[in-house]
Amino acid sequence: MQSDYGYELTDRAEKDIDEIAGYIRDELSNASAAMNFLNDVEQCIRKLCDFPSSGSRIFVEYLPGKNVRRKVIGNYLLYYRVLQEKKRVRILRVVYGSRNQISVVHGLNS
């Protein structure tokens, strides 16, 4: 099945993914878990392209109309926006779920 939506990663999201995978691989010495994380992110993004509105909508008071959503990927949260006019999903951030999510959300401005 061909998805109607494509996706794009913000520079910050790309950095998040690289840093998380690097931490798992290098600091936790678990290359297979790092690869599993990358595969899980890829699978989540593919599903978002098929079902862009499937993530939970979050309310961001100072970003009206931004339509920010999030999906859970194991211990991590993926924040994204649906760009309906472009038929794209923009991945904003991927962060560890135990982080202070209020500060993460305050940094969403893409």
PDB file of N, CA and C in Angstrom:
ATOM      1  N   MET A   1       0.844  -1.188   0.000  1.00  0.00           N
ATOM      2  CA  MET A   1       0.000   0.000   0.000  1.00  0.00           C
ATOM      3  C   MET A   1       0.884   1.244   0.000  1.00  0.00           C
ATOM      4  N   GLN A   2       0.686   2.088  -0.949  1.00  0.00           N
ATOM      5  CA  GLN A   2       1.430   3.341  -1.058  1.00  0.00           C
ATOM      6  C   GLN A   2       0.780   4.397  -0.181  1.00  0.00           C
ATOM      7  N   SER A   3       1.577   5.035   0.650  1.00  0.00           N
ATOM      8  CA  SER A   3       1.061   6.077   1.535  1.00  0.00           C
ATOM      9  C   SER A   3       0.829   7.363   0.757  1.00  0.00           C
ATOM     10  N   ASP A   4      -0.205   8.090   1.153  1.00  0.00           N
ATOM     11  CA  ASP A   4      -0.477   9.387   0.542  1.00  0.00           C
ATOM     12  C   ASP A   4       0.427  10.477   1.097  1.00  0.00           C
ATOM     13  N   TYR A   5       0.990  10.241   2.289  1.00  0.00           N
ATOM     14  CA  TYR A   5       1.808  11.245   2.962  1.00  0.00           C
ATOM     15  C   TYR A   5       3.278  10.852   2.937  1.00  0.00           C
ATOM     16  N   GLY A   6       4.123  11.876   2.804  1.00  0.00           N
ATOM     17  CA  GLY A   6       5.553  11.701   2.986  1.00  0.00           C
ATOM     18  C   GLY A   6       5.921  12.228   4.361  1.00  0.00           C
ATOM     19  N   TYR A   7       7.214  12.296   4.645  1.00  0.00           N
ATOM     20  CA  TYR A   7       7.629  12.833   5.941  1.00  0.00           C
ATOM     21  C   TYR A   7       8.910  13.632   5.788  1.00  0.00           C
ATOM     22  N   GLU A   8       9.159  14.455   6.786  1.00  0.00           N
ATOM     23  CA  GLU A   8      10.410  15.201   6.863  1.00  0.00           C
ATOM     24  C   GLU A   8      10.819  15.281   8.325  1.00  0.00           C
ATOM     25  N   LEU A   9      12.106  15.229   8.554  1.00  0.00           N
ATOM     26  CA  LEU A   9      12.663  15.358   9.900  1.00  0.00           C
ATOM     27  C   LEU A   9      13.226  16.757  10.061  1.00  0.00           C
ATOM     28  N   THR A  10      12.907  17.405  11.172  1.00  0.00           N
ATOM     29  CA  THR A  10      13.595  18.660  11.469  1.00  0.00           C
ATOM     30  C   THR A  10      15.036  18.315  11.829  1.00  0.00           C
ATOM     31  N   ASP A  11      15.912  19.298  11.758  1.00  0.00           N
ATOM     32  CA  ASP A  11      17.302  19.070  12.163  1.00  0.00           C
ATOM     33  C   ASP A  11      17.361  18.583  13.602  1.00  0.00           C
ATOM     34  N   ARG A  12      16.503  19.150  14.451  1.00  0.00           N
ATOM     35  CA  ARG A  12      16.490  18.765  15.870  1.00  0.00           C
ATOM     36  C   ARG A  12      16.064  17.310  16.042  1.00  0.00           C
ATOM     37  N   ALA A  13      15.061  16.870  15.303  1.00  0.00           N
ATOM     38  CA  ALA A  13      14.600  15.479  15.392  1.00  0.00           C
ATOM     39  C   ALA A  13      15.686  14.521  14.920  1.00  0.00           C
ATOM     40  N   GLU A  14      16.358  14.888  13.837  1.00  0.00           N
ATOM     41  CA  GLU A  14      17.447  14.054  13.328  1.00  0.00           C
ATOM     42  C   GLU A  14      18.558  13.936  14.375  1.00  0.00           C
ATOM     43  N   LYS A  15      18.880  15.048  15.015  1.00  0.00           N
ATOM     44  CA  LYS A  15      19.900  15.046  16.064  1.00  0.00           C
ATOM     45  C   LYS A  15      19.441  14.203  17.257  1.00  0.00           C
ATOM     46  N   ASP A  16      18.168  14.340  17.647  1.00  0.00           N
ATOM     47  CA  ASP A  16      17.621  13.536  18.747  1.00  0.00           C
ATOM     48  C   ASP A  16      17.814  12.048  18.473  1.00  0.00           C
ATOM     49  N   ILE A  17      17.417  11.615  17.292  1.00  0.00           N
ATOM     50  CA  ILE A  17      17.491  10.198  16.928  1.00  0.00           C
ATOM     51  C   ILE A  17      18.937   9.719  16.951  1.00  0.00           C
ATOM     52  N   ASP A  18      19.841  10.501  16.359  1.00  0.00           N
ATOM     53  CA  ASP A  18      21.264  10.137  16.353  1.00  0.00           C
ATOM     54  C   ASP A  18      21.823  10.049  17.768  1.00  0.00           C
ATOM     55  N   GLU A  19      21.466  11.018  18.613  1.00  0.00           N
ATOM     56  CA  GLU A  19      21.983  11.034  19.985  1.00  0.00           C
ATOM     57  C   GLU A  19      21.456   9.856  20.798  1.00  0.00           C
ATOM     58  N   ILE A  20      20.179   9.538  20.654  1.00  0.00           N
ATOM     59  CA  ILE A  20      19.604   8.419  21.400  1.00  0.00           C
ATOM     60  C   ILE A  20      20.241   7.107  20.954  1.00  0.00           C
ATOM     61  N   ALA A  21      20.321   6.890  19.651  1.00  0.00           N
ATOM     62  CA  ALA A  21      20.925   5.654  19.147  1.00  0.00           C
ATOM     63  C   ALA A  21      22.390   5.562  19.572  1.00  0.00           C
ATOM     64  N   GLY A  22      23.114   6.675  19.505  1.00  0.00           N
ATOM     65  CA  GLY A  22      24.513   6.690  19.931  1.00  0.00           C
ATOM     66  C   GLY A  22      24.668   6.392  21.406  1.00  0.00           C
ATOM     67  N   TYR A  23      23.789   6.941  22.222  1.00  0.00           N
ATOM     68  CA  TYR A  23      23.835   6.694  23.663  1.00  0.00           C
ATOM     69  C   TYR A  23      23.600   5.210  23.956  1.00  0.00           C
ATOM     70  N   ILE A  24      22.583   4.648  23.328  1.00  0.00           N
ATOM     71  CA  ILE A  24      22.283   3.227  23.547  1.00  0.00           C
ATOM     72  C   ILE A  24      23.460   2.362  23.094  1.00  0.00           C
ATOM     73  N   ARG A  25      24.014   2.674  21.932  1.00  0.00           N
ATOM     74  CA  ARG A  25      25.113   1.890  21.374  1.00  0.00           C
ATOM     75  C   ARG A  25      26.395   2.047  22.180  1.00  0.00           C
ATOM     76  N   ASP A  26      26.778   3.303  22.490  1.00  0.00           N
ATOM     77  CA  ASP A  26      28.083   3.564  23.093  1.00  0.00           C
ATOM     78  C   ASP A  26      28.071   3.525  24.615  1.00  0.00           C
ATOM     79  N   GLU A  27      27.150   4.248  25.230  1.00  0.00           N
ATOM     80  CA  GLU A  27      27.130   4.335  26.693  1.00  0.00           C
ATOM     81  C   GLU A  27      26.560   3.072  27.336  1.00  0.00           C
ATOM     82  N   LEU A  28      25.564   2.484  26.702  1.00  0.00           N
ATOM     83  CA  LEU A  28      24.963   1.262  27.248  1.00  0.00           C
ATOM     84  C   LEU A  28      25.566   0.008  26.629  1.00  0.00           C
ATOM     85  N   SER A  29      26.475   0.209  25.669  1.00  0.00           N
ATOM     86  CA  SER A  29      27.168  -0.902  24.982  1.00  0.00           C
ATOM     87  C   SER A  29      26.181  -1.941  24.447  1.00  0.00           C
ATOM     88  N   ASN A  30      25.157  -1.456  23.764  1.00  0.00           N
ATOM     89  CA  ASN A  30      24.133  -2.361  23.262  1.00  0.00           C
ATOM     90  C   ASN A  30      23.763  -1.981  21.828  1.00  0.00           C
ATOM     91  N   ALA A  31      24.583  -2.444  20.897  1.00  0.00           N
ATOM     92  CA  ALA A  31      24.381  -2.107  19.487  1.00  0.00           C
ATOM     93  C   ALA A  31      23.057  -2.653  18.954  1.00  0.00           C
ATOM     94  N   SER A  32      22.659  -3.839  19.405  1.00  0.00           N
ATOM     95  CA  SER A  32      21.404  -4.403  18.893  1.00  0.00           C
ATOM     96  C   SER A  32      20.198  -3.603  19.388  1.00  0.00           C
ATOM     97  N   ALA A  33      20.239  -3.109  20.629  1.00  0.00           N
ATOM     98  CA  ALA A  33      19.143  -2.270  21.134  1.00  0.00           C
ATOM     99  C   ALA A  33      19.095  -0.944  20.378  1.00  0.00           C
ATOM    100  N   ALA A  34      20.260  -0.403  20.032  1.00  0.00           N
ATOM    101  CA  ALA A  34      20.302   0.837  19.245  1.00  0.00           C
ATOM    102  C   ALA A  34      19.667   0.613  17.876  1.00  0.00           C
ATOM    103  N   MET A  35      19.975  -0.524  17.258  1.00  0.00           N
ATOM    104  CA  MET A  35      19.389  -0.839  15.953  1.00  0.00           C
ATOM    105  C   MET A  35      17.878  -1.053  16.086  1.00  0.00           C
ATOM    106  N   ASN A  36      17.458  -1.700  17.169  1.00  0.00           N
ATOM    107  CA  ASN A  36      16.018  -1.883  17.406  1.00  0.00           C
ATOM    108  C   ASN A  36      15.311  -0.539  17.560  1.00  0.00           C
ATOM    109  N   PHE A  37      15.952   0.393  18.271  1.00  0.00           N
ATOM    110  CA  PHE A  37      15.382   1.732  18.429  1.00  0.00           C
ATOM    111  C   PHE A  37      15.197   2.389  17.061  1.00  0.00           C
ATOM    112  N   LEU A  38      16.233   2.342  16.231  1.00  0.00           N
ATOM    113  CA  LEU A  38      16.148   2.952  14.898  1.00  0.00           C
ATOM    114  C   LEU A  38      15.047   2.298  14.062  1.00  0.00           C
ATOM    115  N   ASN A  39      14.948   0.978  14.142  1.00  0.00           N
ATOM    116  CA  ASN A  39      13.888   0.274  13.410  1.00  0.00           C
ATOM    117  C   ASN A  39      12.505   0.667  13.917  1.00  0.00           C
ATOM    118  N   ASP A  40      12.370   0.812  15.241  1.00  0.00           N
ATOM    119  CA  ASP A  40      11.082   1.215  15.821  1.00  0.00           C
ATOM    120  C   ASP A  40      10.686   2.623  15.378  1.00  0.00           C
ATOM    121  N   VAL A  41      11.659   3.531  15.326  1.00  0.00           N
ATOM    122  CA  VAL A  41      11.386   4.896  14.860  1.00  0.00           C
ATOM    123  C   VAL A  41      10.940   4.863  13.401  1.00  0.00           C
ATOM    124  N   GLU A  42      11.659   4.106  12.588  1.00  0.00           N
ATOM    125  CA  GLU A  42      11.314   4.008  11.168  1.00  0.00           C
ATOM    126  C   GLU A  42       9.907   3.434  10.982  1.00  0.00           C
ATOM    127  N   GLN A  43       9.585   2.396  11.735  1.00  0.00           N
ATOM    128  CA  GLN A  43       8.260   1.785  11.639  1.00  0.00           C
ATOM    129  C   GLN A  43       7.171   2.770  12.074  1.00  0.00           C
ATOM    130  N   CYS A  44       7.418   3.511  13.140  1.00  0.00           N
ATOM    131  CA  CYS A  44       6.455   4.503  13.617  1.00  0.00           C
ATOM    132  C   CYS A  44       6.215   5.569  12.550  1.00  0.00           C
ATOM    133  N   ILE A  45       7.277   6.050  11.933  1.00  0.00           N
ATOM    134  CA  ILE A  45       7.139   7.081  10.902  1.00  0.00           C
ATOM    135  C   ILE A  45       6.360   6.543   9.702  1.00  0.00           C
ATOM    136  N   ARG A  46       6.640   5.301   9.308  1.00  0.00           N
ATOM    137  CA  ARG A  46       5.887   4.710   8.197  1.00  0.00           C
ATOM    138  C   ARG A  46       4.394   4.642   8.511  1.00  0.00           C
ATOM    139  N   LYS A  47       4.070   4.253   9.754  1.00  0.00           N
ATOM    140  CA  LYS A  47       2.663   4.186  10.149  1.00  0.00           C
ATOM    141  C   LYS A  47       2.032   5.576  10.170  1.00  0.00           C
ATOM    142  N   LEU A  48       2.811   6.582  10.588  1.00  0.00           N
ATOM    143  CA  LEU A  48       2.290   7.952  10.582  1.00  0.00           C
ATOM    144  C   LEU A  48       1.992   8.425   9.164  1.00  0.00           C
ATOM    145  N   CYS A  49       2.800   8.010   8.207  1.00  0.00           N
ATOM    146  CA  CYS A  49       2.543   8.390   6.817  1.00  0.00           C
ATOM    147  C   CYS A  49       1.246   7.756   6.314  1.00  0.00           C
ATOM    148  N   ASP A  50       0.919   6.573   6.828  1.00  0.00           N
ATOM    149  CA  ASP A  50      -0.339   5.916   6.461  1.00  0.00           C
ATOM    150  C   ASP A  50      -1.528   6.490   7.225  1.00  0.00           C
ATOM    151  N   PHE A  51      -1.296   6.828   8.502  1.00  0.00           N
ATOM    152  CA  PHE A  51      -2.361   7.323   9.374  1.00  0.00           C
ATOM    153  C   PHE A  51      -1.865   8.558  10.125  1.00  0.00           C
ATOM    154  N   PRO A  52      -1.762   9.692   9.454  1.00  0.00           N
ATOM    155  CA  PRO A  52      -1.134  10.873  10.051  1.00  0.00           C
ATOM    156  C   PRO A  52      -1.819  11.415  11.301  1.00  0.00           C
ATOM    157  N   SER A  53      -3.098  11.186  11.452  1.00  0.00           N
ATOM    158  CA  SER A  53      -3.804  11.719  12.623  1.00  0.00           C
ATOM    159  C   SER A  53      -3.887  10.719  13.767  1.00  0.00           C
ATOM    160  N   SER A  54      -3.114   9.649  13.709  1.00  0.00           N
ATOM    161  CA  SER A  54      -3.223   8.588  14.711  1.00  0.00           C
ATOM    162  C   SER A  54      -2.606   8.954  16.057  1.00  0.00           C
ATOM    163  N   GLY A  55      -1.707   9.910  16.086  1.00  0.00           N
ATOM    164  CA  GLY A  55      -1.082  10.301  17.350  1.00  0.00           C
ATOM    165  C   GLY A  55      -2.001  11.147  18.204  1.00  0.00           C
ATOM    166  N   SER A  56      -1.705  11.174  19.490  1.00  0.00           N
ATOM    167  CA  SER A  56      -2.483  11.995  20.421  1.00  0.00           C
ATOM    168  C   SER A  56      -2.196  13.465  20.167  1.00  0.00           C
ATOM    169  N   ARG A  57      -3.231  14.245  20.044  1.00  0.00           N
ATOM    170  CA  ARG A  57      -3.062  15.689  19.867  1.00  0.00           C
ATOM    171  C   ARG A  57      -2.700  16.299  21.214  1.00  0.00           C
ATOM    172  N   ILE A  58      -1.735  17.203  21.196  1.00  0.00           N
ATOM    173  CA  ILE A  58      -1.386  17.908  22.427  1.00  0.00           C
ATOM    174  C   ILE A  58      -1.714  19.378  22.242  1.00  0.00           C
ATOM    175  N   PHE A  59      -2.135  19.995  23.319  1.00  0.00           N
ATOM    176  CA  PHE A  59      -2.501  21.402  23.271  1.00  0.00           C
ATOM    177  C   PHE A  59      -1.285  22.237  23.627  1.00  0.00           C
ATOM    178  N   VAL A  60      -0.887  23.104  22.716  1.00  0.00           N
ATOM    179  CA  VAL A  60       0.238  24.002  22.936  1.00  0.00           C
ATOM    180  C   VAL A  60      -0.311  25.415  22.797  1.00  0.00           C
ATOM    181  N   GLU A  61      -0.559  26.041  23.932  1.00  0.00           N
ATOM    182  CA  GLU A  61      -1.243  27.335  23.991  1.00  0.00           C
ATOM    183  C   GLU A  61      -0.572  28.408  23.136  1.00  0.00           C
ATOM    184  N   TYR A  62       0.757  28.457  23.155  1.00  0.00           N
ATOM    185  CA  TYR A  62       1.472  29.521  22.452  1.00  0.00           C
ATOM    186  C   TYR A  62       1.786  29.158  21.001  1.00  0.00           C
ATOM    187  N   LEU A  63       1.334  27.992  20.543  1.00  0.00           N
ATOM    188  CA  LEU A  63       1.493  27.608  19.141  1.00  0.00           C
ATOM    189  C   LEU A  63       0.120  27.293  18.544  1.00  0.00           C
ATOM    190  N   PRO A  64      -0.783  28.271  18.515  1.00  0.00           N
ATOM    191  CA  PRO A  64      -2.131  27.986  18.020  1.00  0.00           C
ATOM    192  C   PRO A  64      -2.109  27.543  16.562  1.00  0.00           C
ATOM    193  N   GLY A  65      -2.937  26.567  16.269  1.00  0.00           N
ATOM    194  CA  GLY A  65      -3.057  26.092  14.898  1.00  0.00           C
ATOM    195  C   GLY A  65      -1.918  25.221  14.424  1.00  0.00           C
ATOM    196  N   LYS A  66      -1.012  24.848  15.296  1.00  0.00           N
ATOM    197  CA  LYS A  66       0.142  24.050  14.877  1.00  0.00           C
ATOM    198  C   LYS A  66      -0.157  22.560  14.792  1.00  0.00           C
ATOM    199  N   ASN A  67      -1.261  22.100  15.413  1.00  0.00           N
ATOM    200  CA  ASN A  67      -1.663  20.701  15.298  1.00  0.00           C
ATOM    201  C   ASN A  67      -0.530  19.750  15.691  1.00  0.00           C
ATOM    202  N   VAL A  68       0.024  19.936  16.872  1.00  0.00           N
ATOM    203  CA  VAL A  68       1.118  19.090  17.346  1.00  0.00           C
ATOM    204  C   VAL A  68       0.535  17.801  17.915  1.00  0.00           C
ATOM    205  N   ARG A  69       1.136  16.686  17.534  1.00  0.00           N
ATOM    206  CA  ARG A  69       0.711  15.367  17.997  1.00  0.00           C
ATOM    207  C   ARG A  69       1.933  14.610  18.504  1.00  0.00           C
ATOM    208  N   ARG A  70       1.667  13.487  19.206  1.00  0.00           N
ATOM    209  CA  ARG A  70       2.792  12.669  19.647  1.00  0.00           C
ATOM    210  C   ARG A  70       2.416  11.199  19.614  1.00  0.00           C
ATOM    211  N   LYS A  71       3.453  10.384  19.438  1.00  0.00           N
ATOM    212  CA  LYS A  71       3.336   8.928  19.449  1.00  0.00           C
ATOM    213  C   LYS A  71       4.361   8.390  20.432  1.00  0.00           C
ATOM    214  N   VAL A  72       4.019   7.280  21.049  1.00  0.00           N
ATOM    215  CA  VAL A  72       4.924   6.605  21.971  1.00  0.00           C
ATOM    216  C   VAL A  72       5.686   5.540  21.193  1.00  0.00           C
ATOM    217  N   ILE A  73       7.012   5.535  21.386  1.00  0.00           N
ATOM    218  CA  ILE A  73       7.877   4.508  20.805  1.00  0.00           C
ATOM    219  C   ILE A  73       8.670   3.919  21.970  1.00  0.00           C
ATOM    220  N   GLY A  74       8.154   2.890  22.592  1.00  0.00           N
ATOM    221  CA  GLY A  74       8.819   2.308  23.764  1.00  0.00           C
ATOM    222  C   GLY A  74       8.911   3.335  24.877  1.00  0.00           C
ATOM    223  N   ASN A  75      10.143   3.670  25.280  1.00  0.00           N
ATOM    224  CA  ASN A  75      10.377   4.660  26.339  1.00  0.00           C
ATOM    225  C   ASN A  75      10.503   6.082  25.798  1.00  0.00           C
ATOM    226  N   TYR A  76      10.232   6.283  24.531  1.00  0.00           N
ATOM    227  CA  TYR A  76      10.460   7.571  23.875  1.00  0.00           C
ATOM    228  C   TYR A  76       9.156   8.143  23.334  1.00  0.00           C
ATOM    229  N   LEU A  77       9.151   9.447  23.162  1.00  0.00           N
ATOM    230  CA  LEU A  77       8.003  10.144  22.583  1.00  0.00           C
ATOM    231  C   LEU A  77       8.443  10.844  21.307  1.00  0.00           C
ATOM    232  N   LEU A  78       7.663  10.679  20.270  1.00  0.00           N
ATOM    233  CA  LEU A  78       7.915  11.326  18.989  1.00  0.00           C
ATOM    234  C   LEU A  78       6.856  12.411  18.819  1.00  0.00           C
ATOM    235  N   TYR A  79       7.298  13.656  18.697  1.00  0.00           N
ATOM    236  CA  TYR A  79       6.400  14.798  18.478  1.00  0.00           C
ATOM    237  C   TYR A  79       6.405  15.132  16.991  1.00  0.00           C
ATOM    238  N   TYR A  80       5.224  15.414  16.452  1.00  0.00           N
ATOM    239  CA  TYR A  80       5.132  15.705  15.023  1.00  0.00           C
ATOM    240  C   TYR A  80       3.950  16.613  14.723  1.00  0.00           C
ATOM    241  N   ARG A  81       3.964  17.143  13.509  1.00  0.00           N
ATOM    242  CA  ARG A  81       2.855  17.936  12.975  1.00  0.00           C
ATOM    243  C   ARG A  81       2.418  17.329  11.656  1.00  0.00           C
ATOM    244  N   VAL A  82       1.144  17.446  11.376  1.00  0.00           N
ATOM    245  CA  VAL A  82       0.609  17.019  10.088  1.00  0.00           C
ATOM    246  C   VAL A  82       0.469  18.260   9.221  1.00  0.00           C
ATOM    247  N   LEU A  83       1.144  18.260   8.097  1.00  0.00           N
ATOM    248  CA  LEU A  83       1.059  19.365   7.137  1.00  0.00           C
ATOM    249  C   LEU A  83       0.125  18.906   6.013  1.00  0.00           C
ATOM    250  N   GLN A  84      -1.161  19.091   6.223  1.00  0.00           N
ATOM    251  CA  GLN A  84      -2.153  18.539   5.303  1.00  0.00           C
ATOM    252  C   GLN A  84      -2.029  19.109   3.898  1.00  0.00           C
ATOM    253  N   GLU A  85      -1.742  20.400   3.811  1.00  0.00           N
ATOM    254  CA  GLU A  85      -1.647  21.026   2.488  1.00  0.00           C
ATOM    255  C   GLU A  85      -0.487  20.465   1.668  1.00  0.00           C
ATOM    256  N   LYS A  86       0.560  20.000   2.346  1.00  0.00           N
ATOM    257  CA  LYS A  86       1.721  19.419   1.661  1.00  0.00           C
ATOM    258  C   LYS A  86       1.687  17.893   1.660  1.00  0.00           C
ATOM    259  N   LYS A  87       0.691  17.325   2.370  1.00  0.00           N
ATOM    260  CA  LYS A  87       0.604  15.870   2.538  1.00  0.00           C
ATOM    261  C   LYS A  87       1.918  15.318   3.091  1.00  0.00           C
ATOM    262  N   ARG A  88       2.361  15.962   4.202  1.00  0.00           N
ATOM    263  CA  ARG A  88       3.615  15.567   4.848  1.00  0.00           C
ATOM    264  C   ARG A  88       3.422  15.502   6.348  1.00  0.00           C
ATOM    265  N   VAL A  89       4.214  14.650   6.958  1.00  0.00           N
ATOM    266  CA  VAL A  89       4.313  14.576   8.407  1.00  0.00           C
ATOM    267  C   VAL A  89       5.684  15.140   8.760  1.00  0.00           C
ATOM    268  N   ARG A  90       5.706  16.175   9.588  1.00  0.00           N
ATOM    269  CA  ARG A  90       6.975  16.785  10.004  1.00  0.00           C
ATOM    270  C   ARG A  90       7.304  16.283  11.412  1.00  0.00           C
ATOM    271  N   ILE A  91       8.404  15.548  11.518  1.00  0.00           N
ATOM    272  CA  ILE A  91       8.852  15.031  12.808  1.00  0.00           C
ATOM    273  C   ILE A  91       9.629  16.150  13.496  1.00  0.00           C
ATOM    274  N   LEU A  92       9.126  16.573  14.666  1.00  0.00           N
ATOM    275  CA  LEU A  92       9.709  17.713  15.375  1.00  0.00           C
ATOM    276  C   LEU A  92      10.786  17.304  16.370  1.00  0.00           C
ATOM    277  N   ARG A  93      10.496  16.302  17.195  1.00  0.00           N
ATOM    278  CA  ARG A  93      11.418  15.862  18.256  1.00  0.00           C
ATOM    279  C   ARG A  93      11.188  14.384  18.529  1.00  0.00           C
ATOM    280  N   VAL A  94      12.225  13.728  19.032  1.00  0.00           N
ATOM    281  CA  VAL A  94      12.126  12.389  19.603  1.00  0.00           C
ATOM    282  C   VAL A  94      12.890  12.467  20.910  1.00  0.00           C
ATOM    283  N   VAL A  95      12.195  12.240  22.029  1.00  0.00           N
ATOM    284  CA  VAL A  95      12.813  12.441  23.343  1.00  0.00           C
ATOM    285  C   VAL A  95      12.471  11.292  24.282  1.00  0.00           C
ATOM    286  N   TYR A  96      13.335  11.117  25.281  1.00  0.00           N
ATOM    287  CA  TYR A  96      13.105  10.119  26.316  1.00  0.00           C
ATOM    288  C   TYR A  96      11.852  10.500  27.090  1.00  0.00           C
ATOM    289  N   GLY A  97      10.971   9.548  27.321  1.00  0.00           N
ATOM    290  CA  GLY A  97       9.679   9.820  27.933  1.00  0.00           C
ATOM    291  C   GLY A  97       9.731  10.357  29.350  1.00  0.00           C
ATOM    292  N   SER A  98      10.830  10.090  30.076  1.00  0.00           N
ATOM    293  CA  SER A  98      10.933  10.571  31.460  1.00  0.00           C
ATOM    294  C   SER A  98      11.486  11.986  31.559  1.00  0.00           C
ATOM    295  N   ARG A  99      11.840  12.572  30.433  1.00  0.00           N
ATOM    296  CA  ARG A  99      12.284  13.970  30.450  1.00  0.00           C
ATOM    297  C   ARG A  99      11.125  14.879  30.813  1.00  0.00           C
ATOM    298  N   ASN A 100      11.451  16.076  31.216  1.00  0.00           N
ATOM    299  CA  ASN A 100      10.427  17.081  31.496  1.00  0.00           C
ATOM    300  C   ASN A 100       9.774  17.463  30.162  1.00  0.00           C
ATOM    301  N   GLN A 101       8.583  16.928  29.920  1.00  0.00           N
ATOM    302  CA  GLN A 101       7.927  17.133  28.634  1.00  0.00           C
ATOM    303  C   GLN A 101       7.431  18.563  28.450  1.00  0.00           C
ATOM    304  N   ILE A 102       7.186  19.263  29.537  1.00  0.00           N
ATOM    305  CA  ILE A 102       6.766  20.663  29.420  1.00  0.00           C
ATOM    306  C   ILE A 102       7.867  21.480  28.752  1.00  0.00           C
ATOM    307  N   SER A 103       9.113  21.260  29.157  1.00  0.00           N
ATOM    308  CA  SER A 103      10.208  22.010  28.532  1.00  0.00           C
ATOM    309  C   SER A 103      10.402  21.588  27.080  1.00  0.00           C
ATOM    310  N   VAL A 104      10.171  20.326  26.780  1.00  0.00           N
ATOM    311  CA  VAL A 104      10.276  19.859  25.393  1.00  0.00           C
ATOM    312  C   VAL A 104       9.209  20.540  24.545  1.00  0.00           C
ATOM    313  N   VAL A 105       7.979  20.543  25.032  1.00  0.00           N
ATOM    314  CA  VAL A 105       6.870  21.143  24.286  1.00  0.00           C
ATOM    315  C   VAL A 105       7.092  22.640  24.099  1.00  0.00           C
ATOM    316  N   HIS A 106       7.641  23.306  25.109  1.00  0.00           N
ATOM    317  CA  HIS A 106       7.916  24.740  24.971  1.00  0.00           C
ATOM    318  C   HIS A 106       8.943  25.013  23.875  1.00  0.00           C
ATOM    319  N   GLY A 107       9.769  24.023  23.548  1.00  0.00           N
ATOM    320  CA  GLY A 107      10.760  24.196  22.494  1.00  0.00           C
ATOM    321  C   GLY A 107      10.250  23.872  21.106  1.00  0.00           C
ATOM    322  N   LEU A 108       9.009  23.425  20.986  1.00  0.00           N
ATOM    323  CA  LEU A 108       8.453  23.079  19.676  1.00  0.00           C
ATOM    324  C   LEU A 108       8.005  24.350  18.972  1.00  0.00           C
ATOM    325  N   ASN A 109       8.725  24.736  17.959  1.00  0.00           N
ATOM    326  CA  ASN A 109       8.334  25.944  17.225  1.00  0.00           C
ATOM    327  C   ASN A 109       8.504  25.782  15.732  1.00  0.00           C
ATOM    328  N   SER A 110       8.698  24.555  15.265  1.00  0.00           N
ATOM    329  CA  SER A 110       8.874  24.318  13.827  1.00  0.00           C
ATOM    330  C   SER A 110       7.545  24.140  13.147  1.00  0.00           C
TER     331      SER A 110
END
